[in-house]
């Protein structure tokens, strides 16, 4: 489903993979039934490939991990959030482009 540099985040690994990561983390909150999410996927993959080793990029299925989505008040998908040092430092709701994701990451 995801590219080689795109991680799969779940309720089980969110704490270790996202909140405790040494790198900034871009989380794409997504759903299998979401059309704009499918359109965003190749953009997220491109950012993951481009910034490999500098940023961790992954997807979280809001239906499979609804508790995490609720915790971060995700009300619509796609929603992209950036985490640094365990804290949310940026957010974009809706379909976006590469440049906006890079700006959100601050890399």
PDB file of N, CA and C in Angstrom:
ATOM      1  N   UNK A   1       0.831  -1.197   0.000  1.00  0.00           N
ATOM      2  CA  UNK A   1       0.000   0.000   0.000  1.00  0.00           C
ATOM      3  C   UNK A   1       0.875   1.261   0.000  1.00  0.00           C
ATOM      4  N   UNK A   2       1.777   1.369   0.944  1.00  0.00           N
ATOM      5  CA  UNK A   2       2.616   2.562   1.040  1.00  0.00           C
ATOM      6  C   UNK A   2       3.977   2.297   0.408  1.00  0.00           C
ATOM      7  N   UNK A   3       4.677   3.380   0.108  1.00  0.00           N
ATOM      8  CA  UNK A   3       6.020   3.269  -0.469  1.00  0.00           C
ATOM      9  C   UNK A   3       7.019   2.749   0.551  1.00  0.00           C
ATOM     10  N   UNK A   4       8.224   2.454   0.084  1.00  0.00           N
ATOM     11  CA  UNK A   4       9.233   1.829   0.951  1.00  0.00           C
ATOM     12  C   UNK A   4       9.654   2.719   2.115  1.00  0.00           C
ATOM     13  N   UNK A   5       9.540   4.046   1.975  1.00  0.00           N
ATOM     14  CA  UNK A   5       9.929   4.959   3.046  1.00  0.00           C
ATOM     15  C   UNK A   5       8.748   5.460   3.869  1.00  0.00           C
ATOM     16  N   UNK A   6       7.560   4.933   3.583  1.00  0.00           N
ATOM     17  CA  UNK A   6       6.358   5.353   4.320  1.00  0.00           C
ATOM     18  C   UNK A   6       6.010   4.279   5.341  1.00  0.00           C
ATOM     19  N   UNK A   7       6.060   4.653   6.607  1.00  0.00           N
ATOM     20  CA  UNK A   7       5.776   3.722   7.696  1.00  0.00           C
ATOM     21  C   UNK A   7       4.269   3.556   7.880  1.00  0.00           C
ATOM     22  N   UNK A   8       3.907   2.476   8.527  1.00  0.00           N
ATOM     23  CA  UNK A   8       2.507   2.211   8.871  1.00  0.00           C
ATOM     24  C   UNK A   8       2.375   2.445  10.375  1.00  0.00           C
ATOM     25  N   UNK A   9       1.692   3.530  10.755  1.00  0.00           N
ATOM     26  CA  UNK A   9       1.499   3.828  12.173  1.00  0.00           C
ATOM     27  C   UNK A   9       0.165   3.251  12.636  1.00  0.00           C
ATOM     28  N   UNK A  10       0.168   2.700  13.851  1.00  0.00           N
ATOM     29  CA  UNK A  10      -1.036   2.122  14.437  1.00  0.00           C
ATOM     30  C   UNK A  10      -1.123   2.568  15.896  1.00  0.00           C
ATOM     31  N   UNK A  11      -2.230   2.242  16.534  1.00  0.00           N
ATOM     32  CA  UNK A  11      -2.373   2.542  17.964  1.00  0.00           C
ATOM     33  C   UNK A  11      -1.278   1.842  18.758  1.00  0.00           C
ATOM     34  N   UNK A  12      -0.840   0.667  18.297  1.00  0.00           N
ATOM     35  CA  UNK A  12       0.176  -0.111  19.010  1.00  0.00           C
ATOM     36  C   UNK A  12       1.576   0.500  18.927  1.00  0.00           C
ATOM     37  N   UNK A  13       1.908   1.137  17.787  1.00  0.00           N
ATOM     38  CA  UNK A  13       3.277   1.646  17.639  1.00  0.00           C
ATOM     39  C   UNK A  13       3.385   3.174  17.620  1.00  0.00           C
ATOM     40  N   UNK A  14       2.271   3.890  17.764  1.00  0.00           N
ATOM     41  CA  UNK A  14       2.271   5.349  17.646  1.00  0.00           C
ATOM     42  C   UNK A  14       3.222   6.001  18.649  1.00  0.00           C
ATOM     43  N   UNK A  15       3.173   5.562  19.876  1.00  0.00           N
ATOM     44  CA  UNK A  15       4.014   6.142  20.922  1.00  0.00           C
ATOM     45  C   UNK A  15       5.498   5.986  20.576  1.00  0.00           C
ATOM     46  N   UNK A  16       5.909   4.762  20.252  1.00  0.00           N
ATOM     47  CA  UNK A  16       7.312   4.483  19.958  1.00  0.00           C
ATOM     48  C   UNK A  16       7.769   5.105  18.639  1.00  0.00           C
ATOM     49  N   UNK A  17       6.949   4.996  17.602  1.00  0.00           N
ATOM     50  CA  UNK A  17       7.351   5.433  16.263  1.00  0.00           C
ATOM     51  C   UNK A  17       7.217   6.939  16.048  1.00  0.00           C
ATOM     52  N   UNK A  18       6.234   7.565  16.683  1.00  0.00           N
ATOM     53  CA  UNK A  18       5.957   8.983  16.438  1.00  0.00           C
ATOM     54  C   UNK A  18       6.408   9.846  17.619  1.00  0.00           C
ATOM     55  N   UNK A  19       5.851   9.591  18.787  1.00  0.00           N
ATOM     56  CA  UNK A  19       6.099  10.467  19.934  1.00  0.00           C
ATOM     57  C   UNK A  19       7.527  10.363  20.464  1.00  0.00           C
ATOM     58  N   UNK A  20       8.158   9.199  20.319  1.00  0.00           N
ATOM     59  CA  UNK A  20       9.522   9.021  20.835  1.00  0.00           C
ATOM     60  C   UNK A  20      10.582   9.056  19.739  1.00  0.00           C
ATOM     61  N   UNK A  21      10.201   9.480  18.549  1.00  0.00           N
ATOM     62  CA  UNK A  21      11.143   9.534  17.428  1.00  0.00           C
ATOM     63  C   UNK A  21      12.143  10.674  17.615  1.00  0.00           C
ATOM     64  N   UNK A  22      13.397  10.409  17.237  1.00  0.00           N
ATOM     65  CA  UNK A  22      14.424  11.444  17.257  1.00  0.00           C
ATOM     66  C   UNK A  22      14.275  12.400  16.074  1.00  0.00           C
ATOM     67  N   UNK A  23      13.617  11.933  15.025  1.00  0.00           N
ATOM     68  CA  UNK A  23      13.414  12.746  13.825  1.00  0.00           C
ATOM     69  C   UNK A  23      12.037  13.410  13.863  1.00  0.00           C
ATOM     70  N   UNK A  24      11.859  14.524  13.143  1.00  0.00           N
ATOM     71  CA  UNK A  24      10.498  15.037  12.961  1.00  0.00           C
ATOM     72  C   UNK A  24       9.671  13.968  12.243  1.00  0.00           C
ATOM     73  N   UNK A  25       8.397  13.877  12.581  1.00  0.00           N
ATOM     74  CA  UNK A  25       7.529  12.847  11.997  1.00  0.00           C
ATOM     75  C   UNK A  25       6.323  13.494  11.329  1.00  0.00           C
ATOM     76  N   UNK A  26       6.093  13.133  10.067  1.00  0.00           N
ATOM     77  CA  UNK A  26       4.894  13.565   9.356  1.00  0.00           C
ATOM     78  C   UNK A  26       3.916  12.398   9.389  1.00  0.00           C
ATOM     79  N   UNK A  27       2.741  12.625   9.950  1.00  0.00           N
ATOM     80  CA  UNK A  27       1.712  11.583  10.029  1.00  0.00           C
ATOM     81  C   UNK A  27       0.563  11.963   9.112  1.00  0.00           C
ATOM     82  N   UNK A  28       0.274  11.089   8.163  1.00  0.00           N
ATOM     83  CA  UNK A  28      -0.853  11.256   7.253  1.00  0.00           C
ATOM     84  C   UNK A  28      -2.014  10.445   7.823  1.00  0.00           C
ATOM     85  N   UNK A  29      -2.974  11.144   8.435  1.00  0.00           N
ATOM     86  CA  UNK A  29      -4.189  10.485   8.929  1.00  0.00           C
ATOM     87  C   UNK A  29      -5.072  10.263   7.717  1.00  0.00           C
ATOM     88  N   UNK A  30      -5.381   8.989   7.437  1.00  0.00           N
ATOM     89  CA  UNK A  30      -6.018   8.627   6.181  1.00  0.00           C
ATOM     90  C   UNK A  30      -7.108   7.582   6.396  1.00  0.00           C
ATOM     91  N   UNK A  31      -7.837   7.277   5.338  1.00  0.00           N
ATOM     92  CA  UNK A  31      -8.858   6.220   5.377  1.00  0.00           C
ATOM     93  C   UNK A  31      -8.931   5.578   3.997  1.00  0.00           C
ATOM     94  N   UNK A  32      -9.206   4.287   3.968  1.00  0.00           N
ATOM     95  CA  UNK A  32      -9.226   3.552   2.697  1.00  0.00           C
ATOM     96  C   UNK A  32     -10.335   4.050   1.771  1.00  0.00           C
ATOM     97  N   UNK A  33     -11.421   4.589   2.340  1.00  0.00           N
ATOM     98  CA  UNK A  33     -12.572   5.019   1.545  1.00  0.00           C
ATOM     99  C   UNK A  33     -12.466   6.478   1.073  1.00  0.00           C
ATOM    100  N   UNK A  34     -11.385   7.154   1.408  1.00  0.00           N
ATOM    101  CA  UNK A  34     -11.246   8.598   1.188  1.00  0.00           C
ATOM    102  C   UNK A  34     -10.566   8.897  -0.148  1.00  0.00           C
ATOM    103  N   UNK A  35     -11.284   9.510  -1.076  1.00  0.00           N
ATOM    104  CA  UNK A  35     -10.737   9.864  -2.389  1.00  0.00           C
ATOM    105  C   UNK A  35      -9.564  10.836  -2.321  1.00  0.00           C
ATOM    106  N   UNK A  36      -9.713  11.983  -1.613  1.00  0.00           N
ATOM    107  CA  UNK A  36      -8.587  12.919  -1.507  1.00  0.00           C
ATOM    108  C   UNK A  36      -7.356  12.290  -0.840  1.00  0.00           C
ATOM    109  N   UNK A  37      -7.572  11.306   0.049  1.00  0.00           N
ATOM    110  CA  UNK A  37      -6.441  10.608   0.687  1.00  0.00           C
ATOM    111  C   UNK A  37      -5.640   9.844  -0.362  1.00  0.00           C
ATOM    112  N   UNK A  38      -6.350   9.227  -1.302  1.00  0.00           N
ATOM    113  CA  UNK A  38      -5.682   8.478  -2.377  1.00  0.00           C
ATOM    114  C   UNK A  38      -4.879   9.433  -3.260  1.00  0.00           C
ATOM    115  N   UNK A  39      -5.408  10.642  -3.466  1.00  0.00           N
ATOM    116  CA  UNK A  39      -4.705  11.642  -4.272  1.00  0.00           C
ATOM    117  C   UNK A  39      -3.470  12.171  -3.532  1.00  0.00           C
ATOM    118  N   UNK A  40      -3.527  12.230  -2.205  1.00  0.00           N
ATOM    119  CA  UNK A  40      -2.411  12.727  -1.406  1.00  0.00           C
ATOM    120  C   UNK A  40      -1.290  11.694  -1.272  1.00  0.00           C
ATOM    121  N   UNK A  41      -1.620  10.409  -1.350  1.00  0.00           N
ATOM    122  CA  UNK A  41      -0.655   9.331  -1.105  1.00  0.00           C
ATOM    123  C   UNK A  41       0.640   9.465  -1.907  1.00  0.00           C
ATOM    124  N   UNK A  42       0.603   9.692  -3.232  1.00  0.00           N
ATOM    125  CA  UNK A  42       1.869   9.795  -3.967  1.00  0.00           C
ATOM    126  C   UNK A  42       2.696  11.023  -3.562  1.00  0.00           C
ATOM    127  N   UNK A  43       2.042  12.093  -3.119  1.00  0.00           N
ATOM    128  CA  UNK A  43       2.743  13.293  -2.661  1.00  0.00           C
ATOM    129  C   UNK A  43       3.473  12.983  -1.357  1.00  0.00           C
ATOM    130  N   UNK A  44       2.789  12.289  -0.453  1.00  0.00           N
ATOM    131  CA  UNK A  44       3.392  11.887   0.826  1.00  0.00           C
ATOM    132  C   UNK A  44       4.578  10.958   0.571  1.00  0.00           C
ATOM    133  N   UNK A  45       4.416  10.020  -0.365  1.00  0.00           N
ATOM    134  CA  UNK A  45       5.505   9.097  -0.705  1.00  0.00           C
ATOM    135  C   UNK A  45       6.717   9.844  -1.266  1.00  0.00           C
ATOM    136  N   UNK A  46       6.463  10.859  -2.093  1.00  0.00           N
ATOM    137  CA  UNK A  46       7.555  11.651  -2.674  1.00  0.00           C
ATOM    138  C   UNK A  46       8.325  12.374  -1.565  1.00  0.00           C
ATOM    139  N   UNK A  47       7.622  12.963  -0.626  1.00  0.00           N
ATOM    140  CA  UNK A  47       8.269  13.649   0.503  1.00  0.00           C
ATOM    141  C   UNK A  47       9.067  12.646   1.336  1.00  0.00           C
ATOM    142  N   UNK A  48       8.501  11.461   1.555  1.00  0.00           N
ATOM    143  CA  UNK A  48       9.196  10.418   2.325  1.00  0.00           C
ATOM    144  C   UNK A  48      10.505  10.024   1.643  1.00  0.00           C
ATOM    145  N   UNK A  49      10.471   9.867   0.325  1.00  0.00           N
ATOM    146  CA  UNK A  49      11.672   9.495  -0.419  1.00  0.00           C
ATOM    147  C   UNK A  49      12.695  10.634  -0.426  1.00  0.00           C
ATOM    148  N   UNK A  50      12.202  11.847  -0.628  1.00  0.00           N
ATOM    149  CA  UNK A  50      13.067  13.019  -0.747  1.00  0.00           C
ATOM    150  C   UNK A  50      13.822  13.331   0.554  1.00  0.00           C
ATOM    151  N   UNK A  51      13.164  13.113   1.682  1.00  0.00           N
ATOM    152  CA  UNK A  51      13.755  13.476   2.970  1.00  0.00           C
ATOM    153  C   UNK A  51      14.091  12.262   3.831  1.00  0.00           C
ATOM    154  N   UNK A  52      14.331  11.127   3.166  1.00  0.00           N
ATOM    155  CA  UNK A  52      14.701   9.899   3.872  1.00  0.00           C
ATOM    156  C   UNK A  52      15.921  10.165   4.755  1.00  0.00           C
ATOM    157  N   UNK A  53      15.840   9.742   6.020  1.00  0.00           N
ATOM    158  CA  UNK A  53      16.939   9.951   6.950  1.00  0.00           C
ATOM    159  C   UNK A  53      16.856  11.261   7.717  1.00  0.00           C
ATOM    160  N   UNK A  54      16.060  12.211   7.206  1.00  0.00           N
ATOM    161  CA  UNK A  54      15.892  13.506   7.882  1.00  0.00           C
ATOM    162  C   UNK A  54      14.543  13.603   8.575  1.00  0.00           C
ATOM    163  N   UNK A  55      13.564  12.912   8.007  1.00  0.00           N
ATOM    164  CA  UNK A  55      12.183  12.968   8.492  1.00  0.00           C
ATOM    165  C   UNK A  55      11.606  11.567   8.422  1.00  0.00           C
ATOM    166  N   UNK A  56      10.765  11.223   9.402  1.00  0.00           N
ATOM    167  CA  UNK A  56      10.027   9.957   9.341  1.00  0.00           C
ATOM    168  C   UNK A  56       8.625  10.285   8.828  1.00  0.00           C
ATOM    169  N   UNK A  57       8.165   9.521   7.857  1.00  0.00           N
ATOM    170  CA  UNK A  57       6.851   9.758   7.250  1.00  0.00           C
ATOM    171  C   UNK A  57       6.033   8.478   7.368  1.00  0.00           C
ATOM    172  N   UNK A  58       4.762   8.635   7.735  1.00  0.00           N
ATOM    173  CA  UNK A  58       3.909   7.457   7.831  1.00  0.00           C
ATOM    174  C   UNK A  58       2.437   7.781   7.732  1.00  0.00           C
ATOM    175  N   UNK A  59       1.674   6.718   7.589  1.00  0.00           N
ATOM    176  CA  UNK A  59       0.214   6.822   7.483  1.00  0.00           C
ATOM    177  C   UNK A  59      -0.420   6.163   8.689  1.00  0.00           C
ATOM    178  N   UNK A  60      -1.543   6.741   9.118  1.00  0.00           N
ATOM    179  CA  UNK A  60      -2.328   6.137  10.186  1.00  0.00           C
ATOM    180  C   UNK A  60      -3.763   6.034   9.700  1.00  0.00           C
ATOM    181  N   UNK A  61      -4.291   4.817   9.637  1.00  0.00           N
ATOM    182  CA  UNK A  61      -5.676   4.583   9.210  1.00  0.00           C
ATOM    183  C   UNK A  61      -6.598   4.957  10.360  1.00  0.00           C
ATOM    184  N   UNK A  62      -7.449   5.975  10.138  1.00  0.00           N
ATOM    185  CA  UNK A  62      -8.294   6.472  11.232  1.00  0.00           C
ATOM    186  C   UNK A  62      -9.354   5.464  11.664  1.00  0.00           C
ATOM    187  N   UNK A  63      -9.719   4.550  10.784  1.00  0.00           N
ATOM    188  CA  UNK A  63     -10.712   3.537  11.150  1.00  0.00           C
ATOM    189  C   UNK A  63     -10.074   2.434  11.991  1.00  0.00           C
ATOM    190  N   UNK A  64      -8.847   2.058  11.645  1.00  0.00           N
ATOM    191  CA  UNK A  64      -8.149   1.001  12.379  1.00  0.00           C
ATOM    192  C   UNK A  64      -7.588   1.509  13.710  1.00  0.00           C
ATOM    193  N   UNK A  65      -7.289   2.800  13.780  1.00  0.00           N
ATOM    194  CA  UNK A  65      -6.706   3.400  14.996  1.00  0.00           C
ATOM    195  C   UNK A  65      -7.526   4.617  15.421  1.00  0.00           C
ATOM    196  N   UNK A  66      -8.808   4.395  15.626  1.00  0.00           N
ATOM    197  CA  UNK A  66      -9.725   5.505  15.902  1.00  0.00           C
ATOM    198  C   UNK A  66      -9.416   6.236  17.210  1.00  0.00           C
ATOM    199  N   UNK A  67      -8.848   5.551  18.184  1.00  0.00           N
ATOM    200  CA  UNK A  67      -8.525   6.206  19.459  1.00  0.00           C
ATOM    201  C   UNK A  67      -7.454   7.279  19.264  1.00  0.00           C
ATOM    202  N   UNK A  68      -6.455   7.002  18.421  1.00  0.00           N
ATOM    203  CA  UNK A  68      -5.402   7.992  18.145  1.00  0.00           C
ATOM    204  C   UNK A  68      -6.008   9.167  17.377  1.00  0.00           C
ATOM    205  N   UNK A  69      -6.834   8.865  16.379  1.00  0.00           N
ATOM    206  CA  UNK A  69      -7.479   9.927  15.599  1.00  0.00           C
ATOM    207  C   UNK A  69      -8.323  10.818  16.510  1.00  0.00           C
ATOM    208  N   UNK A  70      -9.040  10.218  17.445  1.00  0.00           N
ATOM    209  CA  UNK A  70      -9.867  10.987  18.380  1.00  0.00           C
ATOM    210  C   UNK A  70      -8.998  11.819  19.323  1.00  0.00           C
ATOM    211  N   UNK A  71      -7.904  11.231  19.782  1.00  0.00           N
ATOM    212  CA  UNK A  71      -7.001  11.926  20.703  1.00  0.00           C
ATOM    213  C   UNK A  71      -6.470  13.221  20.080  1.00  0.00           C
ATOM    214  N   UNK A  72      -6.194  13.197  18.770  1.00  0.00           N
ATOM    215  CA  UNK A  72      -5.671  14.374  18.083  1.00  0.00           C
ATOM    216  C   UNK A  72      -6.760  15.149  17.344  1.00  0.00           C
ATOM    217  N   UNK A  73      -8.015  14.832  17.667  1.00  0.00           N
ATOM    218  CA  UNK A  73      -9.178  15.567  17.156  1.00  0.00           C
ATOM    219  C   UNK A  73      -9.221  15.639  15.625  1.00  0.00           C
ATOM    220  N   UNK A  74      -8.914  14.513  14.993  1.00  0.00           N
ATOM    221  CA  UNK A  74      -8.992  14.440  13.532  1.00  0.00           C
ATOM    222  C   UNK A  74     -10.464  14.309  13.160  1.00  0.00           C
ATOM    223  N   UNK A  75     -10.988  15.339  12.501  1.00  0.00           N
ATOM    224  CA  UNK A  75     -12.409  15.366  12.162  1.00  0.00           C
ATOM    225  C   UNK A  75     -12.668  15.111  10.678  1.00  0.00           C
ATOM    226  N   UNK A  76     -11.626  15.297   9.850  1.00  0.00           N
ATOM    227  CA  UNK A  76     -11.776  14.999   8.432  1.00  0.00           C
ATOM    228  C   UNK A  76     -10.439  14.508   7.890  1.00  0.00           C
ATOM    229  N   UNK A  77     -10.512  13.745   6.822  1.00  0.00           N
ATOM    230  CA  UNK A  77      -9.306  13.219   6.209  1.00  0.00           C
ATOM    231  C   UNK A  77      -9.253  13.681   4.759  1.00  0.00           C
ATOM    232  N   UNK A  78      -8.060  13.866   4.204  1.00  0.00           N
ATOM    233  CA  UNK A  78      -6.786  13.675   4.882  1.00  0.00           C
ATOM    234  C   UNK A  78      -6.447  14.827   5.837  1.00  0.00           C
ATOM    235  N   UNK A  79      -5.835  14.469   6.944  1.00  0.00           N
ATOM    236  CA  UNK A  79      -5.235  15.437   7.859  1.00  0.00           C
ATOM    237  C   UNK A  79      -3.781  15.028   8.026  1.00  0.00           C
ATOM    238  N   UNK A  80      -2.886  15.984   7.868  1.00  0.00           N
ATOM    239  CA  UNK A  80      -1.461  15.725   8.034  1.00  0.00           C
ATOM    240  C   UNK A  80      -0.985  16.494   9.258  1.00  0.00           C
ATOM    241  N   UNK A  81      -0.267  15.814  10.145  1.00  0.00           N
ATOM    242  CA  UNK A  81       0.307  16.462  11.323  1.00  0.00           C
ATOM    243  C   UNK A  81       1.795  16.195  11.371  1.00  0.00           C
ATOM    244  N   UNK A  82       2.522  17.168  11.925  1.00  0.00           N
ATOM    245  CA  UNK A  82       3.961  17.022  12.132  1.00  0.00           C
ATOM    246  C   UNK A  82       4.211  17.010  13.633  1.00  0.00           C
ATOM    247  N   UNK A  83       5.026  16.057  14.063  1.00  0.00           N
ATOM    248  CA  UNK A  83       5.390  15.923  15.477  1.00  0.00           C
ATOM    249  C   UNK A  83       6.895  16.075  15.616  1.00  0.00           C
ATOM    250  N   UNK A  84       7.313  16.807  16.642  1.00  0.00           N
ATOM    251  CA  UNK A  84       8.733  16.944  17.011  1.00  0.00           C
ATOM    252  C   UNK A  84       8.830  16.763  18.504  1.00  0.00           C
ATOM    253  N   UNK A  85       9.712  15.875  18.935  1.00  0.00           N
ATOM    254  CA  UNK A  85       9.914  15.683  20.365  1.00  0.00           C
ATOM    255  C   UNK A  85       8.649  15.323  21.121  1.00  0.00           C
ATOM    256  N   UNK A  86       7.773  14.566  20.477  1.00  0.00           N
ATOM    257  CA  UNK A  86       6.547  14.125  21.125  1.00  0.00           C
ATOM    258  C   UNK A  86       5.412  15.128  21.101  1.00  0.00           C
ATOM    259  N   UNK A  87       5.638  16.301  20.509  1.00  0.00           N
ATOM    260  CA  UNK A  87       4.613  17.344  20.459  1.00  0.00           C
ATOM    261  C   UNK A  87       4.181  17.609  19.022  1.00  0.00           C
ATOM    262  N   UNK A  88       2.884  17.883  18.843  1.00  0.00           N
ATOM    263  CA  UNK A  88       2.388  18.272  17.524  1.00  0.00           C
ATOM    264  C   UNK A  88       2.856  19.698  17.247  1.00  0.00           C
ATOM    265  N   UNK A  89       3.549  19.899  16.128  1.00  0.00           N
ATOM    266  CA  UNK A  89       4.067  21.227  15.808  1.00  0.00           C
ATOM    267  C   UNK A  89       3.454  21.818  14.548  1.00  0.00           C
ATOM    268  N   UNK A  90       2.650  21.032  13.830  1.00  0.00           N
ATOM    269  CA  UNK A  90       2.028  21.547  12.616  1.00  0.00           C
ATOM    270  C   UNK A  90       0.888  20.664  12.177  1.00  0.00           C
ATOM    271  N   UNK A  91      -0.025  21.247  11.403  1.00  0.00           N
ATOM    272  CA  UNK A  91      -1.188  20.487  10.937  1.00  0.00           C
ATOM    273  C   UNK A  91      -1.715  21.107   9.652  1.00  0.00           C
ATOM    274  N   UNK A  92      -2.164  20.254   8.737  1.00  0.00           N
ATOM    275  CA  UNK A  92      -2.858  20.701   7.526  1.00  0.00           C
ATOM    276  C   UNK A  92      -4.034  19.756   7.293  1.00  0.00           C
ATOM    277  N   UNK A  93      -5.200  20.332   7.071  1.00  0.00           N
ATOM    278  CA  UNK A  93      -6.403  19.529   6.824  1.00  0.00           C
ATOM    279  C   UNK A  93      -6.770  19.661   5.353  1.00  0.00           C
ATOM    280  N   UNK A  94      -6.984  18.508   4.721  1.00  0.00           N
ATOM    281  CA  UNK A  94      -7.385  18.489   3.318  1.00  0.00           C
ATOM    282  C   UNK A  94      -6.224  18.162   2.390  1.00  0.00           C
ATOM    283  N   UNK A  95      -6.553  18.037   1.125  1.00  0.00           N
ATOM    284  CA  UNK A  95      -5.560  17.726   0.099  1.00  0.00           C
ATOM    285  C   UNK A  95      -4.599  18.902  -0.025  1.00  0.00           C
ATOM    286  N   UNK A  96      -3.339  18.618  -0.185  1.00  0.00           N
ATOM    287  CA  UNK A  96      -2.332  19.670  -0.301  1.00  0.00           C
ATOM    288  C   UNK A  96      -1.261  19.245  -1.291  1.00  0.00           C
ATOM    289  N   UNK A  97      -0.235  20.069  -1.437  1.00  0.00           N
ATOM    290  CA  UNK A  97       0.843  19.751  -2.374  1.00  0.00           C
ATOM    291  C   UNK A  97       2.162  19.544  -1.631  1.00  0.00           C
ATOM    292  N   UNK A  98       3.172  19.139  -2.378  1.00  0.00           N
ATOM    293  CA  UNK A  98       4.490  18.848  -1.812  1.00  0.00           C
ATOM    294  C   UNK A  98       5.057  20.047  -1.069  1.00  0.00           C
ATOM    295  N   UNK A  99       4.995  21.218  -1.692  1.00  0.00           N
ATOM    296  CA  UNK A  99       5.600  22.415  -1.094  1.00  0.00           C
ATOM    297  C   UNK A  99       5.004  22.745   0.265  1.00  0.00           C
ATOM    298  N   UNK A 100       3.695  22.602   0.403  1.00  0.00           N
ATOM    299  CA  UNK A 100       3.048  22.889   1.679  1.00  0.00           C
ATOM    300  C   UNK A 100       3.467  21.860   2.746  1.00  0.00           C
ATOM    301  N   UNK A 101       3.637  20.603   2.348  1.00  0.00           N
ATOM    302  CA  UNK A 101       4.089  19.585   3.291  1.00  0.00           C
ATOM    303  C   UNK A 101       5.514  19.872   3.747  1.00  0.00           C
ATOM    304  N   UNK A 102       6.367  20.257   2.818  1.00  0.00           N
ATOM    305  CA  UNK A 102       7.760  20.571   3.156  1.00  0.00           C
ATOM    306  C   UNK A 102       7.810  21.779   4.082  1.00  0.00           C
ATOM    307  N   UNK A 103       6.992  22.784   3.810  1.00  0.00           N
ATOM    308  CA  UNK A 103       6.941  23.982   4.667  1.00  0.00           C
ATOM    309  C   UNK A 103       6.453  23.596   6.066  1.00  0.00           C
ATOM    310  N   UNK A 104       5.466  22.726   6.119  1.00  0.00           N
ATOM    311  CA  UNK A 104       4.939  22.250   7.406  1.00  0.00           C
ATOM    312  C   UNK A 104       6.032  21.532   8.216  1.00  0.00           C
ATOM    313  N   UNK A 105       6.861  20.773   7.512  1.00  0.00           N
ATOM    314  CA  UNK A 105       7.963  20.052   8.151  1.00  0.00           C
ATOM    315  C   UNK A 105       9.092  20.986   8.580  1.00  0.00           C
ATOM    316  N   UNK A 106       9.231  22.087   7.874  1.00  0.00           N
ATOM    317  CA  UNK A 106      10.291  23.028   8.181  1.00  0.00           C
ATOM    318  C   UNK A 106      11.677  22.496   7.836  1.00  0.00           C
ATOM    319  N   UNK A 107      11.771  21.706   6.755  1.00  0.00           N
ATOM    320  CA  UNK A 107      13.075  21.167   6.340  1.00  0.00           C
ATOM    321  C   UNK A 107      13.560  21.841   5.064  1.00  0.00           C
TER     322      UNK A 107
END
